[in-house]
């Protein structure tokens, strides 16, 4: 699975109505069209992520698979780290 490379598309400002404009370059790169549903997720009260609603299941499955690999690596490192303590 290839690693995603983050892209910076610019900045935006929150309007008095709480609206933001997604930069045209980002809309074009992601193929966003008028009326397309986006999921809005936050992390630690500091960041937001917009995900196409139709892509969420695939993204969640990829994240879940990565978490399993991370858990296995952590468990293996833990075993190796404490082998000399017997």
PDB file of N, CA and C in Angstrom:
ATOM      1  N   UNK A   1       0.851  -1.171   0.000  1.00  0.00           N
ATOM      2  CA  UNK A   1       0.000   0.000   0.000  1.00  0.00           C
ATOM      3  C   UNK A   1       0.902   1.242   0.000  1.00  0.00           C
ATOM      4  N   UNK A   2       0.695   2.142  -0.942  1.00  0.00           N
ATOM      5  CA  UNK A   2       1.558   3.313  -1.003  1.00  0.00           C
ATOM      6  C   UNK A   2       1.156   4.326   0.072  1.00  0.00           C
ATOM      7  N   UNK A   3       2.154   5.036   0.579  1.00  0.00           N
ATOM      8  CA  UNK A   3       1.931   6.025   1.629  1.00  0.00           C
ATOM      9  C   UNK A   3       1.341   7.290   1.025  1.00  0.00           C
ATOM     10  N   UNK A   4       0.289   7.837   1.639  1.00  0.00           N
ATOM     11  CA  UNK A   4      -0.266   9.092   1.139  1.00  0.00           C
ATOM     12  C   UNK A   4       0.697  10.241   1.419  1.00  0.00           C
ATOM     13  N   UNK A   5       0.759  11.156   0.478  1.00  0.00           N
ATOM     14  CA  UNK A   5       1.600  12.341   0.640  1.00  0.00           C
ATOM     15  C   UNK A   5       0.678  13.530   0.879  1.00  0.00           C
ATOM     16  N   UNK A   6       0.795  14.172   2.052  1.00  0.00           N
ATOM     17  CA  UNK A   6      -0.080  15.318   2.329  1.00  0.00           C
ATOM     18  C   UNK A   6       0.150  16.443   1.319  1.00  0.00           C
ATOM     19  N   UNK A   7      -0.907  17.099   0.947  1.00  0.00           N
ATOM     20  CA  UNK A   7      -0.841  18.242   0.033  1.00  0.00           C
ATOM     21  C   UNK A   7      -1.331  19.474   0.766  1.00  0.00           C
ATOM     22  N   UNK A   8      -0.707  20.608   0.501  1.00  0.00           N
ATOM     23  CA  UNK A   8      -1.169  21.874   1.051  1.00  0.00           C
ATOM     24  C   UNK A   8      -1.819  22.645  -0.084  1.00  0.00           C
ATOM     25  N   UNK A   9      -3.086  22.994   0.086  1.00  0.00           N
ATOM     26  CA  UNK A   9      -3.844  23.655  -0.965  1.00  0.00           C
ATOM     27  C   UNK A   9      -4.099  25.126  -0.680  1.00  0.00           C
ATOM     28  N   UNK A  10      -3.621  25.643   0.415  1.00  0.00           N
ATOM     29  CA  UNK A  10      -3.851  27.042   0.734  1.00  0.00           C
ATOM     30  C   UNK A  10      -4.513  27.174   2.085  1.00  0.00           C
ATOM     31  N   UNK A  11      -5.088  28.329   2.305  1.00  0.00           N
ATOM     32  CA  UNK A  11      -5.775  28.566   3.579  1.00  0.00           C
ATOM     33  C   UNK A  11      -7.157  29.124   3.295  1.00  0.00           C
ATOM     34  N   UNK A  12      -7.965  29.164   4.319  1.00  0.00           N
ATOM     35  CA  UNK A  12      -9.313  29.681   4.193  1.00  0.00           C
ATOM     36  C   UNK A  12      -9.679  30.370   5.497  1.00  0.00           C
ATOM     37  N   UNK A  13     -10.744  31.118   5.496  1.00  0.00           N
ATOM     38  CA  UNK A  13     -11.185  31.881   6.663  1.00  0.00           C
ATOM     39  C   UNK A  13     -12.620  31.472   6.990  1.00  0.00           C
ATOM     40  N   UNK A  14     -12.914  31.357   8.267  1.00  0.00           N
ATOM     41  CA  UNK A  14     -14.271  31.036   8.693  1.00  0.00           C
ATOM     42  C   UNK A  14     -15.102  32.313   8.632  1.00  0.00           C
ATOM     43  N   UNK A  15     -16.243  32.261   7.934  1.00  0.00           N
ATOM     44  CA  UNK A  15     -17.110  33.432   7.807  1.00  0.00           C
ATOM     45  C   UNK A  15     -17.931  33.617   9.081  1.00  0.00           C
ATOM     46  N   UNK A  16     -18.648  34.728   9.156  1.00  0.00           N
ATOM     47  CA  UNK A  16     -19.502  34.965  10.327  1.00  0.00           C
ATOM     48  C   UNK A  16     -20.637  33.947  10.414  1.00  0.00           C
ATOM     49  N   UNK A  17     -20.906  33.232   9.318  1.00  0.00           N
ATOM     50  CA  UNK A  17     -21.917  32.171   9.320  1.00  0.00           C
ATOM     51  C   UNK A  17     -21.295  30.797   9.605  1.00  0.00           C
ATOM     52  N   UNK A  18     -19.991  30.777   9.851  1.00  0.00           N
ATOM     53  CA  UNK A  18     -19.311  29.511  10.116  1.00  0.00           C
ATOM     54  C   UNK A  18     -18.938  28.748   8.861  1.00  0.00           C
ATOM     55  N   UNK A  19     -18.996  29.389   7.717  1.00  0.00           N
ATOM     56  CA  UNK A  19     -18.685  28.723   6.454  1.00  0.00           C
ATOM     57  C   UNK A  19     -17.225  28.929   6.064  1.00  0.00           C
ATOM     58  N   UNK A  20     -16.697  27.953   5.332  1.00  0.00           N
ATOM     59  CA  UNK A  20     -15.350  28.065   4.770  1.00  0.00           C
ATOM     60  C   UNK A  20     -15.414  27.718   3.288  1.00  0.00           C
ATOM     61  N   UNK A  21     -14.492  28.255   2.536  1.00  0.00           N
ATOM     62  CA  UNK A  21     -14.385  27.942   1.113  1.00  0.00           C
ATOM     63  C   UNK A  21     -13.218  26.982   0.944  1.00  0.00           C
ATOM     64  N   UNK A  22     -13.476  25.858   0.299  1.00  0.00           N
ATOM     65  CA  UNK A  22     -12.402  24.913  -0.013  1.00  0.00           C
ATOM     66  C   UNK A  22     -11.712  25.439  -1.271  1.00  0.00           C
ATOM     67  N   UNK A  23     -10.399  25.662  -1.219  1.00  0.00           N
ATOM     68  CA  UNK A  23      -9.699  26.203  -2.387  1.00  0.00           C
ATOM     69  C   UNK A  23      -9.968  25.388  -3.657  1.00  0.00           C
ATOM     70  N   UNK A  24     -10.071  26.096  -4.789  1.00  0.00           N
ATOM     71  CA  UNK A  24     -10.370  25.451  -6.073  1.00  0.00           C
ATOM     72  C   UNK A  24      -9.386  24.334  -6.394  1.00  0.00           C
ATOM     73  N   UNK A  25      -8.113  24.527  -6.110  1.00  0.00           N
ATOM     74  CA  UNK A  25      -7.107  23.505  -6.403  1.00  0.00           C
ATOM     75  C   UNK A  25      -7.429  22.211  -5.639  1.00  0.00           C
ATOM     76  N   UNK A  26      -7.868  22.343  -4.393  1.00  0.00           N
ATOM     77  CA  UNK A  26      -8.233  21.167  -3.595  1.00  0.00           C
ATOM     78  C   UNK A  26      -9.493  20.514  -4.162  1.00  0.00           C
ATOM     79  N   UNK A  27     -10.491  21.315  -4.504  1.00  0.00           N
ATOM     80  CA  UNK A  27     -11.734  20.766  -5.071  1.00  0.00           C
ATOM     81  C   UNK A  27     -11.447  20.001  -6.354  1.00  0.00           C
ATOM     82  N   UNK A  28     -10.596  20.583  -7.199  1.00  0.00           N
ATOM     83  CA  UNK A  28     -10.254  19.934  -8.467  1.00  0.00           C
ATOM     84  C   UNK A  28      -9.463  18.651  -8.244  1.00  0.00           C
ATOM     85  N   UNK A  29      -8.477  18.700  -7.354  1.00  0.00           N
ATOM     86  CA  UNK A  29      -7.630  17.537  -7.091  1.00  0.00           C
ATOM     87  C   UNK A  29      -8.447  16.373  -6.529  1.00  0.00           C
ATOM     88  N   UNK A  30      -9.459  16.680  -5.727  1.00  0.00           N
ATOM     89  CA  UNK A  30     -10.272  15.640  -5.104  1.00  0.00           C
ATOM     90  C   UNK A  30     -11.527  15.314  -5.900  1.00  0.00           C
ATOM     91  N   UNK A  31     -11.750  16.063  -6.976  1.00  0.00           N
ATOM     92  CA  UNK A  31     -12.931  15.822  -7.803  1.00  0.00           C
ATOM     93  C   UNK A  31     -14.223  16.153  -7.076  1.00  0.00           C
ATOM     94  N   UNK A  32     -14.191  17.138  -6.198  1.00  0.00           N
ATOM     95  CA  UNK A  32     -15.397  17.531  -5.460  1.00  0.00           C
ATOM     96  C   UNK A  32     -16.356  18.277  -6.376  1.00  0.00           C
ATOM     97  N   UNK A  33     -17.625  17.960  -6.239  1.00  0.00           N
ATOM     98  CA  UNK A  33     -18.644  18.625  -7.034  1.00  0.00           C
ATOM     99  C   UNK A  33     -19.697  19.230  -6.117  1.00  0.00           C
ATOM    100  N   UNK A  34     -20.450  20.157  -6.656  1.00  0.00           N
ATOM    101  CA  UNK A  34     -21.504  20.817  -5.901  1.00  0.00           C
ATOM    102  C   UNK A  34     -22.439  19.774  -5.282  1.00  0.00           C
ATOM    103  N   UNK A  35     -22.728  19.930  -4.014  1.00  0.00           N
ATOM    104  CA  UNK A  35     -23.650  19.040  -3.327  1.00  0.00           C
ATOM    105  C   UNK A  35     -23.026  17.773  -2.777  1.00  0.00           C
ATOM    106  N   UNK A  36     -21.728  17.556  -3.036  1.00  0.00           N
ATOM    107  CA  UNK A  36     -21.079  16.347  -2.535  1.00  0.00           C
ATOM    108  C   UNK A  36     -20.991  16.387  -1.010  1.00  0.00           C
ATOM    109  N   UNK A  37     -21.321  15.279  -0.388  1.00  0.00           N
ATOM    110  CA  UNK A  37     -21.323  15.204   1.071  1.00  0.00           C
ATOM    111  C   UNK A  37     -19.908  14.930   1.589  1.00  0.00           C
ATOM    112  N   UNK A  38     -19.500  15.731   2.574  1.00  0.00           N
ATOM    113  CA  UNK A  38     -18.206  15.568   3.219  1.00  0.00           C
ATOM    114  C   UNK A  38     -18.422  15.306   4.701  1.00  0.00           C
ATOM    115  N   UNK A  39     -17.617  14.437   5.264  1.00  0.00           N
ATOM    116  CA  UNK A  39     -17.638  14.210   6.699  1.00  0.00           C
ATOM    117  C   UNK A  39     -16.602  15.125   7.330  1.00  0.00           C
ATOM    118  N   UNK A  40     -16.951  15.754   8.434  1.00  0.00           N
ATOM    119  CA  UNK A  40     -16.045  16.679   9.118  1.00  0.00           C
ATOM    120  C   UNK A  40     -15.639  16.034  10.435  1.00  0.00           C
ATOM    121  N   UNK A  41     -14.341  15.812  10.594  1.00  0.00           N
ATOM    122  CA  UNK A  41     -13.830  15.184  11.808  1.00  0.00           C
ATOM    123  C   UNK A  41     -12.782  16.098  12.436  1.00  0.00           C
ATOM    124  N   UNK A  42     -12.710  16.059  13.747  1.00  0.00           N
ATOM    125  CA  UNK A  42     -11.740  16.867  14.464  1.00  0.00           C
ATOM    126  C   UNK A  42     -10.830  16.007  15.306  1.00  0.00           C
ATOM    127  N   UNK A  43      -9.700  16.593  15.677  1.00  0.00           N
ATOM    128  CA  UNK A  43      -8.752  15.879  16.518  1.00  0.00           C
ATOM    129  C   UNK A  43      -8.209  16.818  17.586  1.00  0.00           C
ATOM    130  N   UNK A  44      -8.435  16.448  18.828  1.00  0.00           N
ATOM    131  CA  UNK A  44      -7.899  17.183  19.977  1.00  0.00           C
ATOM    132  C   UNK A  44      -8.279  18.657  19.997  1.00  0.00           C
ATOM    133  N   UNK A  45      -9.380  19.007  19.388  1.00  0.00           N
ATOM    134  CA  UNK A  45      -9.805  20.399  19.391  1.00  0.00           C
ATOM    135  C   UNK A  45      -8.882  21.343  18.648  1.00  0.00           C
ATOM    136  N   UNK A  46      -7.981  20.789  17.815  1.00  0.00           N
ATOM    137  CA  UNK A  46      -6.998  21.626  17.131  1.00  0.00           C
ATOM    138  C   UNK A  46      -7.005  21.503  15.614  1.00  0.00           C
ATOM    139  N   UNK A  47      -7.560  20.428  15.094  1.00  0.00           N
ATOM    140  CA  UNK A  47      -7.503  20.256  13.643  1.00  0.00           C
ATOM    141  C   UNK A  47      -8.802  19.658  13.128  1.00  0.00           C
ATOM    142  N   UNK A  48      -9.049  19.903  11.850  1.00  0.00           N
ATOM    143  CA  UNK A  48     -10.217  19.363  11.163  1.00  0.00           C
ATOM    144  C   UNK A  48      -9.751  18.572   9.955  1.00  0.00           C
ATOM    145  N   UNK A  49     -10.542  17.569   9.618  1.00  0.00           N
ATOM    146  CA  UNK A  49     -10.274  16.798   8.421  1.00  0.00           C
ATOM    147  C   UNK A  49     -11.591  16.622   7.696  1.00  0.00           C
ATOM    148  N   UNK A  50     -11.587  16.863   6.402  1.00  0.00           N
ATOM    149  CA  UNK A  50     -12.761  16.645   5.560  1.00  0.00           C
ATOM    150  C   UNK A  50     -12.520  15.383   4.743  1.00  0.00           C
ATOM    151  N   UNK A  51     -13.505  14.496   4.747  1.00  0.00           N
ATOM    152  CA  UNK A  51     -13.385  13.241   4.011  1.00  0.00           C
ATOM    153  C   UNK A  51     -14.645  13.055   3.186  1.00  0.00           C
ATOM    154  N   UNK A  52     -14.479  12.678   1.920  1.00  0.00           N
ATOM    155  CA  UNK A  52     -15.649  12.364   1.106  1.00  0.00           C
ATOM    156  C   UNK A  52     -16.425  11.258   1.800  1.00  0.00           C
ATOM    157  N   UNK A  53     -17.709  11.439   1.938  1.00  0.00           N
ATOM    158  CA  UNK A  53     -18.541  10.451   2.622  1.00  0.00           C
ATOM    159  C   UNK A  53     -18.403   9.082   1.963  1.00  0.00           C
ATOM    160  N   UNK A  54     -18.328   9.051   0.646  1.00  0.00           N
ATOM    161  CA  UNK A  54     -18.211   7.793  -0.077  1.00  0.00           C
ATOM    162  C   UNK A  54     -16.868   7.107   0.079  1.00  0.00           C
ATOM    163  N   UNK A  55     -15.868   7.817   0.569  1.00  0.00           N
ATOM    164  CA  UNK A  55     -14.528   7.259   0.741  1.00  0.00           C
ATOM    165  C   UNK A  55     -14.255   6.828   2.172  1.00  0.00           C
ATOM    166  N   UNK A  56     -15.160   7.151   3.072  1.00  0.00           N
ATOM    167  CA  UNK A  56     -14.885   6.945   4.489  1.00  0.00           C
ATOM    168  C   UNK A  56     -14.664   5.481   4.848  1.00  0.00           C
ATOM    169  N   UNK A  57     -15.496   4.572   4.330  1.00  0.00           N
ATOM    170  CA  UNK A  57     -15.339   3.156   4.673  1.00  0.00           C
ATOM    171  C   UNK A  57     -13.976   2.627   4.243  1.00  0.00           C
ATOM    172  N   UNK A  58     -13.548   2.980   3.038  1.00  0.00           N
ATOM    173  CA  UNK A  58     -12.236   2.537   2.556  1.00  0.00           C
ATOM    174  C   UNK A  58     -11.133   3.092   3.438  1.00  0.00           C
ATOM    175  N   UNK A  59     -11.227   4.391   3.770  1.00  0.00           N
ATOM    176  CA  UNK A  59     -10.221   5.023   4.600  1.00  0.00           C
ATOM    177  C   UNK A  59     -10.178   4.379   5.988  1.00  0.00           C
ATOM    178  N   UNK A  60     -11.342   4.108   6.565  1.00  0.00           N
ATOM    179  CA  UNK A  60     -11.404   3.482   7.887  1.00  0.00           C
ATOM    180  C   UNK A  60     -10.788   2.084   7.844  1.00  0.00           C
ATOM    181  N   UNK A  61     -11.033   1.335   6.784  1.00  0.00           N
ATOM    182  CA  UNK A  61     -10.463  -0.004   6.653  1.00  0.00           C
ATOM    183  C   UNK A  61      -8.941   0.060   6.544  1.00  0.00           C
ATOM    184  N   UNK A  62      -8.426   1.027   5.783  1.00  0.00           N
ATOM    185  CA  UNK A  62      -6.978   1.196   5.657  1.00  0.00           C
ATOM    186  C   UNK A  62      -6.364   1.558   7.004  1.00  0.00           C
ATOM    187  N   UNK A  63      -7.015   2.458   7.733  1.00  0.00           N
ATOM    188  CA  UNK A  63      -6.510   2.863   9.039  1.00  0.00           C
ATOM    189  C   UNK A  63      -6.527   1.684  10.007  1.00  0.00           C
ATOM    190  N   UNK A  64      -7.565   0.886   9.954  1.00  0.00           N
ATOM    191  CA  UNK A  64      -7.672  -0.281  10.818  1.00  0.00           C
ATOM    192  C   UNK A  64      -6.549  -1.273  10.522  1.00  0.00           C
ATOM    193  N   UNK A  65      -6.265  -1.494   9.245  1.00  0.00           N
ATOM    194  CA  UNK A  65      -5.190  -2.405   8.860  1.00  0.00           C
ATOM    195  C   UNK A  65      -3.845  -1.882   9.350  1.00  0.00           C
ATOM    196  N   UNK A  66      -3.630  -0.591   9.241  1.00  0.00           N
ATOM    197  CA  UNK A  66      -2.375  -0.001   9.717  1.00  0.00           C
ATOM    198  C   UNK A  66      -2.258  -0.138  11.232  1.00  0.00           C
ATOM    199  N   UNK A  67      -3.364   0.032  11.930  1.00  0.00           N
ATOM    200  CA  UNK A  67      -3.339  -0.093  13.389  1.00  0.00           C
ATOM    201  C   UNK A  67      -2.933  -1.503  13.786  1.00  0.00           C
ATOM    202  N   UNK A  68      -3.393  -2.507  13.055  1.00  0.00           N
ATOM    203  CA  UNK A  68      -3.030  -3.889  13.364  1.00  0.00           C
ATOM    204  C   UNK A  68      -1.530  -4.081  13.194  1.00  0.00           C
ATOM    205  N   UNK A  69      -0.952  -3.544  12.134  1.00  0.00           N
ATOM    206  CA  UNK A  69       0.487  -3.653  11.898  1.00  0.00           C
ATOM    207  C   UNK A  69       1.246  -2.955  13.024  1.00  0.00           C
ATOM    208  N   UNK A  70       0.780  -1.778  13.423  1.00  0.00           N
ATOM    209  CA  UNK A  70       1.432  -1.036  14.507  1.00  0.00           C
ATOM    210  C   UNK A  70       1.362  -1.832  15.805  1.00  0.00           C
ATOM    211  N   UNK A  71       0.192  -2.382  16.123  1.00  0.00           N
ATOM    212  CA  UNK A  71       0.048  -3.184  17.343  1.00  0.00           C
ATOM    213  C   UNK A  71       1.019  -4.358  17.351  1.00  0.00           C
ATOM    214  N   UNK A  72       1.151  -5.024  16.206  1.00  0.00           N
ATOM    215  CA  UNK A  72       2.051  -6.166  16.117  1.00  0.00           C
ATOM    216  C   UNK A  72       3.501  -5.740  16.318  1.00  0.00           C
ATOM    217  N   UNK A  73       3.897  -4.616  15.729  1.00  0.00           N
ATOM    218  CA  UNK A  73       5.264  -4.117  15.891  1.00  0.00           C
ATOM    219  C   UNK A  73       5.530  -3.732  17.336  1.00  0.00           C
ATOM    220  N   UNK A  74       4.585  -3.071  17.964  1.00  0.00           N
ATOM    221  CA  UNK A  74       4.745  -2.661  19.361  1.00  0.00           C
ATOM    222  C   UNK A  74       4.863  -3.894  20.253  1.00  0.00           C
ATOM    223  N   UNK A  75       4.025  -4.897  20.010  1.00  0.00           N
ATOM    224  CA  UNK A  75       4.081  -6.121  20.805  1.00  0.00           C
ATOM    225  C   UNK A  75       5.430  -6.810  20.629  1.00  0.00           C
ATOM    226  N   UNK A  76       5.925  -6.868  19.390  1.00  0.00           N
ATOM    227  CA  UNK A  76       7.212  -7.508  19.121  1.00  0.00           C
ATOM    228  C   UNK A  76       8.338  -6.735  19.790  1.00  0.00           C
ATOM    229  N   UNK A  77       8.320  -5.399  19.683  1.00  0.00           N
ATOM    230  CA  UNK A  77       9.348  -4.580  20.328  1.00  0.00           C
ATOM    231  C   UNK A  77       9.305  -4.769  21.838  1.00  0.00           C
ATOM    232  N   UNK A  78       8.102  -4.872  22.392  1.00  0.00           N
ATOM    233  CA  UNK A  78       7.960  -5.087  23.819  1.00  0.00           C
ATOM    234  C   UNK A  78       8.559  -6.402  24.242  1.00  0.00           C
ATOM    235  N   UNK A  79       8.324  -7.458  23.465  1.00  0.00           N
ATOM    236  CA  UNK A  79       8.887  -8.772  23.766  1.00  0.00           C
ATOM    237  C   UNK A  79      10.410  -8.736  23.718  1.00  0.00           C
ATOM    238  N   UNK A  80      10.958  -8.094  22.664  1.00  0.00           N
ATOM    239  CA  UNK A  80      12.400  -8.013  22.505  1.00  0.00           C
ATOM    240  C   UNK A  80      13.012  -7.150  23.616  1.00  0.00           C
ATOM    241  N   UNK A  81      12.333  -6.092  23.954  1.00  0.00           N
ATOM    242  CA  UNK A  81      12.835  -5.147  24.950  1.00  0.00           C
ATOM    243  C   UNK A  81      12.986  -5.807  26.324  1.00  0.00           C
ATOM    244  N   UNK A  82      12.074  -6.724  26.645  1.00  0.00           N
ATOM    245  CA  UNK A  82      12.064  -7.287  27.984  1.00  0.00           C
ATOM    246  C   UNK A  82      12.594  -8.718  28.056  1.00  0.00           C
ATOM    247  N   UNK A  83      13.156  -9.260  26.951  1.00  0.00           N
ATOM    248  CA  UNK A  83      13.684 -10.621  26.968  1.00  0.00           C
ATOM    249  C   UNK A  83      14.800 -10.769  27.986  1.00  0.00           C
ATOM    250  N   UNK A  84      15.645  -9.775  28.123  1.00  0.00           N
ATOM    251  CA  UNK A  84      16.797  -9.853  29.028  1.00  0.00           C
ATOM    252  C   UNK A  84      16.399  -9.721  30.506  1.00  0.00           C
ATOM    253  N   UNK A  85      15.155  -9.442  30.783  1.00  0.00           N
ATOM    254  CA  UNK A  85      14.696  -9.244  32.168  1.00  0.00           C
ATOM    255  C   UNK A  85      14.296 -10.545  32.855  1.00  0.00           C
ATOM    256  N   UNK A  86      14.324 -11.681  32.147  1.00  0.00           N
ATOM    257  CA  UNK A  86      13.913 -12.965  32.745  1.00  0.00           C
ATOM    258  C   UNK A  86      14.862 -13.422  33.802  1.00  0.00           C
TER     259      UNK A  86
END
